Structures are given as structure tokens and as C-alpha cells.
Amino acid sequence: MKLPNFHYYIRFLFGLSTWEIYGIFSLICLILLGRGLKWYWDEQNSQNSYIKFEPKFLDKYVSELELEKRRKGRFWKSKYSKSPKNYYYNKPWSSIKSTTWKKAGSDILKKVDINQADSITWVSLKGIGPGFARRILMFRDKLGGFFSVDQLKEVYGLDSLWVKNNQRNLILGHGVYRKFQLNKLEWSEFRHPYLTYPQAKIFLSYRKQHGSVQNWDELIAIKLIDSRIWERLRPYLDFESPK
């Protein structure tokens, strides 16, 4: 006995036409194809973003980790003259949490200068892999340096909760290291993450007609660009005129 085709049951249960069934089937195939392509793209990106460690930097990093372990071991021996395990069993957790753990951890916490840290330093932080380290370095270079730790939240894919939890261990160092020279940069160089291409085009046309912008007040007087854009860029602005 020949069984009826499966799509007849679908037509009977849902009241769909043959073309509607074909359309749904095609949509499912496209979704599966899209997810497959996305998976392949993510795999390729993860491979391309892999950062090769130079042996001299890797040896230095491993040596620092070993030094931290030895320092931590000396702390326990000199402070309690017994193993950490026995100390935990003999003391209430509340006192351990408020004093011991805090003191032991304070010796190994490092301050990271987010404007000078290299890829090795970023990867050494919990939750930061080679891909995120590469994104942070690229974003920092495009900005010209960070003026606030909160700017790390703007790195694509970086969780703002990670920034909040690690904020006390991140410092700015000397801050912005490359200014955005409003009056000197040419058309091909006038790029910044906080300034879109149409906005840059408007300003350059204004500069071509009216000459160099001398100060902040003159800049925000350009009505075609929202002053909030310049406010965001303010830590990077340099009004020096070309000679």
C-alpha cells in the first residue's frame, strides 16, 4: 500500500497550500544555511585573530606567574605557620573573607595601564582572550588613547560588567597620546571613531571656506554638526593651525 506524501498531512492539519509549504521549507533551509555560514565565519575570524606569542615575552610572562606563586606561598607561611587549608578549618569564614583573603590577594593584584598595555598584558587578565586583546589595541589606536576606563565598554563584544568588575585595577597612565588635529589633517587622514564620514565632510567643507577653527567656541558654533559630537571628541581635539 502506497503511503501519501508528507506534505499532504501538513496541508490537511494547517490548511496550507503547496506553494506555502514549499515557501516554509525554503525559509528553513535558508535559516540553516545562514547559521552554517555564520559558524564558518566565526571560526575563520577566531583563527585570524590568534596572536602569536614571541618566546621572550612568553618566558617573561611565565616567570612573573611563578614569582607571584612564590610570593603568595611565603605570605601564608610567615603569617600563619600552617597550611591555608588548616587555617580555613580553624577560623570562621567571615573573618577569613574580611581579612585574610583580602590581604593575600592584595599582593598579587596588578594595575594595568590601558594606554600602554600590550597584547600579552591584556591576555593575562581573566576574561580577555587573544581576540578581545586585538580589538582593544585596534580601538585604542584608532582613538589615539583612552581618556576614561569606561571607553573600554565601546570595544565590540566586550561586556560592560567585565569593565565594572575590573575598573579598580585599570589605570589611564598618561591618557590620550595622539591628538586629533582639526586644522592640520588632510581629507584622507580626517578619521576618528567618534566622527562619521558625513560629519567629517561637513567640517572639512567649512574649514575650506572659512579657514582654520581657532577655539572651542568657534567649533561648536558650526550649526550643521551637533555640539554633542564635539563634546565627545573634546579630549582629543587640537586647535593648532598649520604653519
Protein backbone atom coordinates (compact mmCIF):
# COMPACT_ATOMS: atom_id res chain seq x y z
CA MET A 1 0.00 0.00 0.00
CA LYS A 2 1.44 3.34 -1.04
CA LEU A 3 1.52 5.97 1.70
CA PRO A 4 0.58 9.57 0.83
CA ASN A 5 3.30 12.20 0.76
CA PHE A 6 4.16 14.03 3.98
CA HIS A 7 3.15 17.44 2.67
CA TYR A 8 -0.44 16.22 2.30
CA TYR A 9 -0.64 15.78 6.08
CA ILE A 10 0.68 19.31 6.55
CA ARG A 11 -1.92 20.67 4.15
CA PHE A 12 -4.64 18.80 5.97
CA LEU A 13 -3.56 19.86 9.50
CA PHE A 14 -2.64 23.52 8.86
CA GLY A 15 -4.65 24.33 5.77
CA LEU A 16 -1.59 25.36 3.77
CA SER A 17 -1.25 25.37 0.03
CA THR A 18 1.52 23.56 -1.78
CA TRP A 19 3.37 26.79 -2.53
CA GLU A 20 3.11 27.87 1.10
CA ILE A 21 4.63 24.57 2.20
CA TYR A 22 7.46 25.00 -0.32
CA GLY A 23 7.99 28.55 0.94
CA ILE A 24 8.25 27.42 4.58
CA PHE A 25 10.64 24.63 3.64
CA SER A 26 12.81 27.08 1.65
CA LEU A 27 12.85 29.51 4.60
CA ILE A 28 14.03 26.77 6.96
CA CYS A 29 16.78 25.83 4.51
CA LEU A 30 17.91 29.48 4.27
CA ILE A 31 18.00 29.81 8.07
CA LEU A 32 20.10 26.66 8.40
CA LEU A 33 22.39 27.86 5.62
CA GLY A 34 22.76 31.25 7.29
CA ARG A 35 23.67 29.70 10.65
CA GLY A 36 26.17 27.44 8.93
CA LEU A 37 27.81 30.40 7.20
CA LYS A 38 27.88 32.36 10.47
CA TRP A 39 29.58 29.44 12.23
CA TYR A 40 32.15 29.18 9.42
CA TRP A 41 32.76 32.96 9.53
CA ASP A 42 33.26 32.92 13.33
CA GLU A 43 35.71 30.04 13.02
CA GLN A 44 37.72 31.91 10.40
CA ASN A 45 37.77 35.10 12.47
CA SER A 46 38.87 33.24 15.59
CA GLN A 47 41.76 31.75 13.64
CA ASN A 48 42.74 35.06 12.06
CA SER A 49 42.63 36.88 15.40
CA TYR A 50 45.04 34.44 17.04
CA ILE A 51 48.06 36.30 18.33
CA LYS A 52 51.39 34.52 18.19
CA PHE A 53 53.45 34.96 21.32
CA GLU A 54 57.11 35.67 20.93
CA PRO A 55 59.15 33.25 23.09
CA LYS A 56 60.92 36.02 25.00
CA PHE A 57 57.61 37.63 26.03
CA LEU A 58 56.03 34.28 26.90
CA ASP A 59 59.01 33.29 29.07
CA LYS A 60 58.80 36.62 30.87
CA TYR A 61 55.09 36.15 31.48
CA VAL A 62 55.54 32.62 32.86
CA SER A 63 58.37 33.83 35.11
CA GLU A 64 56.13 36.54 36.55
CA LEU A 65 53.41 33.99 37.32
CA GLU A 66 55.91 31.73 39.09
CA LEU A 67 57.19 34.70 41.11
CA GLU A 68 53.65 35.57 42.20
CA LYS A 69 53.04 31.99 43.34
CA ARG A 70 56.23 32.01 45.43
CA ARG A 71 55.33 35.37 46.99
CA LYS A 72 51.88 34.11 47.87
CA GLY A 73 53.36 30.92 49.42
CA ARG A 74 55.77 32.92 51.59
CA PHE A 75 52.88 35.07 52.80
CA TRP A 76 50.94 32.07 54.11
CA LYS A 77 53.96 30.51 55.82
CA SER A 78 55.15 33.68 57.52
CA LYS A 79 51.68 34.82 58.61
CA TYR A 80 50.15 31.63 59.98
CA SER A 81 52.96 28.99 60.16
CA LYS A 82 50.47 26.42 58.87
CA SER A 83 48.82 25.47 55.62
CA PRO A 84 45.95 27.61 54.27
CA LYS A 85 43.66 24.59 54.48
CA ASN A 86 44.13 24.18 58.26
CA TYR A 87 43.74 27.89 58.74
CA TYR A 88 40.38 27.84 56.98
CA TYR A 89 39.18 24.97 59.14
CA ASN A 90 40.18 26.72 62.38
CA LYS A 91 38.80 30.19 61.60
CA PRO A 92 35.25 31.35 60.80
CA TRP A 93 34.63 32.18 57.14
CA SER A 94 33.50 35.72 57.93
CA SER A 95 36.88 36.65 59.41
CA ILE A 96 38.74 34.93 56.57
CA LYS A 97 36.70 36.78 53.95
CA SER A 98 37.12 40.18 55.60
CA THR A 99 40.85 39.99 56.46
CA THR A 100 42.88 37.02 55.26
CA TRP A 101 41.67 36.76 51.68
CA LYS A 102 41.83 40.50 51.19
CA LYS A 103 45.43 40.67 52.45
CA ALA A 104 46.57 37.64 50.49
CA GLY A 105 45.02 38.94 47.26
CA SER A 106 46.37 42.46 47.58
CA ASP A 107 49.93 41.25 46.98
CA ILE A 108 49.22 39.79 43.56
CA LEU A 109 46.82 42.36 42.09
CA LYS A 110 48.39 44.42 39.32
CA LYS A 111 47.48 47.81 37.96
CA VAL A 112 47.18 47.72 34.16
CA ASP A 113 47.85 50.88 32.17
CA ILE A 114 45.23 50.60 29.44
CA ASN A 115 47.10 53.11 27.27
CA GLN A 116 50.39 51.20 27.35
CA ALA A 117 49.41 47.54 27.87
CA ASP A 118 50.38 45.18 25.05
CA SER A 119 48.57 42.05 23.92
CA ILE A 120 50.42 39.85 26.43
CA THR A 121 49.23 42.02 29.31
CA TRP A 122 45.62 42.02 28.12
CA VAL A 123 45.55 38.25 27.64
CA SER A 124 46.86 37.78 31.19
CA LEU A 125 43.61 39.33 32.52
CA LYS A 126 40.76 36.96 33.30
CA GLY A 127 38.07 37.03 30.63
CA ILE A 128 40.28 38.55 27.90
CA GLY A 129 41.41 36.29 25.07
CA PRO A 130 43.58 36.99 22.01
CA GLY A 131 40.55 38.18 20.01
CA PHE A 132 39.47 40.77 22.60
CA ALA A 133 43.09 41.87 23.11
CA ARG A 134 43.39 42.55 19.39
CA ARG A 135 40.11 44.52 19.33
CA ILE A 136 41.17 46.64 22.30
CA LEU A 137 44.52 47.50 20.73
CA MET A 138 42.92 48.36 17.39
CA PHE A 139 40.25 50.55 19.01
CA ARG A 140 42.84 52.30 21.19
CA ASP A 141 44.99 53.05 18.15
CA LYS A 142 42.04 54.50 16.22
CA LEU A 143 41.08 56.70 19.18
CA GLY A 144 44.59 57.90 19.92
CA GLY A 145 44.42 56.63 23.50
CA PHE A 146 41.80 56.31 26.24
CA PHE A 147 40.83 59.24 28.43
CA SER A 148 38.42 57.14 30.52
CA VAL A 149 38.31 53.48 31.58
CA ASP A 150 34.62 53.43 30.62
CA GLN A 151 35.65 53.72 26.96
CA LEU A 152 36.53 50.02 27.09
CA LYS A 153 32.78 49.36 27.09
CA GLU A 154 32.76 50.62 23.49
CA VAL A 155 35.02 47.77 22.33
CA TYR A 156 32.86 45.47 20.23
CA GLY A 157 31.71 42.43 22.23
CA LEU A 158 33.40 43.42 25.50
CA ASP A 159 30.98 43.03 28.39
CA SER A 160 30.42 46.24 30.36
CA LEU A 161 30.15 44.09 33.50
CA TRP A 162 33.76 42.98 32.97
CA VAL A 163 34.85 46.62 32.82
CA LYS A 164 32.94 47.41 36.01
CA ASN A 165 34.40 44.45 37.92
CA ASN A 166 37.97 45.22 36.84
CA GLN A 167 37.81 49.00 36.93
CA ARG A 168 39.84 49.37 40.12
CA ASN A 169 42.77 47.52 38.52
CA LEU A 170 42.79 49.61 35.31
CA ILE A 171 44.59 52.95 35.11
CA LEU A 172 44.92 55.54 32.33
CA GLY A 173 48.64 56.30 32.61
CA HIS A 174 49.36 59.42 30.54
CA GLY A 175 45.94 59.24 28.88
CA VAL A 176 45.44 60.37 25.29
CA TYR A 177 48.72 60.06 23.38
CA ARG A 178 47.63 61.30 19.92
CA LYS A 179 45.55 64.42 19.40
CA PHE A 180 43.04 64.93 16.61
CA GLN A 181 44.43 67.92 14.72
CA LEU A 182 41.38 69.70 13.36
CA ASN A 183 43.27 72.25 11.31
CA LYS A 184 46.15 70.12 10.03
CA LEU A 185 44.70 66.77 8.97
CA GLU A 186 44.02 66.33 5.28
CA TRP A 187 40.95 64.70 3.75
CA SER A 188 42.46 61.22 3.66
CA GLU A 189 43.56 61.41 7.32
CA PHE A 190 40.49 63.06 8.85
CA ARG A 191 39.08 59.94 10.52
CA HIS A 192 38.03 59.18 14.08
CA PRO A 193 35.68 56.55 15.62
CA TYR A 194 33.57 59.33 17.16
CA LEU A 195 33.17 61.23 13.89
CA THR A 196 31.20 59.83 10.97
CA TYR A 197 32.25 60.39 7.37
CA PRO A 198 29.36 62.82 6.56
CA GLN A 199 30.21 64.89 9.67
CA ALA A 200 33.88 64.95 8.72
CA LYS A 201 32.93 66.04 5.21
CA ILE A 202 30.81 68.91 6.57
CA PHE A 203 33.61 70.17 8.79
CA LEU A 204 36.23 69.96 6.06
CA SER A 205 33.99 71.91 3.70
CA TYR A 206 33.52 74.54 6.43
CA ARG A 207 37.28 74.70 7.02
CA LYS A 208 37.90 75.11 3.30
CA GLN A 209 35.53 78.09 3.13
CA HIS A 210 36.28 79.81 6.47
CA GLY A 211 39.83 78.75 7.28
CA SER A 212 41.17 77.27 10.50
CA VAL A 213 38.98 76.93 13.59
CA GLN A 214 40.71 78.82 16.38
CA ASN A 215 38.97 77.64 19.55
CA TRP A 216 36.19 75.61 21.13
CA ASP A 217 33.54 78.34 20.91
CA GLU A 218 34.08 78.73 17.18
CA LEU A 219 33.86 74.97 16.71
CA ILE A 220 30.52 74.47 18.44
CA ALA A 221 29.14 77.45 16.51
CA ILE A 222 29.09 75.25 13.38
CA LYS A 223 25.37 74.53 13.41
CA LEU A 224 25.42 71.74 10.85
CA ILE A 225 27.09 69.39 13.37
CA ASP A 226 25.57 68.58 16.75
CA SER A 227 27.70 70.03 19.57
CA ARG A 228 27.39 66.70 21.41
CA ILE A 229 29.65 65.17 18.76
CA TRP A 230 32.38 67.69 19.53
CA GLU A 231 31.81 67.27 23.28
CA ARG A 232 32.57 63.58 22.93
CA LEU A 233 35.68 64.39 20.90
CA ARG A 234 36.83 67.24 23.15
CA PRO A 235 39.64 65.33 24.99
CA TYR A 236 41.23 64.60 21.60
CA LEU A 237 40.91 68.00 19.90
CA ASP A 238 43.91 70.07 18.92
CA PHE A 239 43.29 73.56 17.51
CA GLU A 240 46.84 74.26 16.40
CA SER A 241 46.90 75.85 12.96
CA PRO A 242 49.27 74.78 10.20
CA LYS A 243 52.34 76.92 9.75
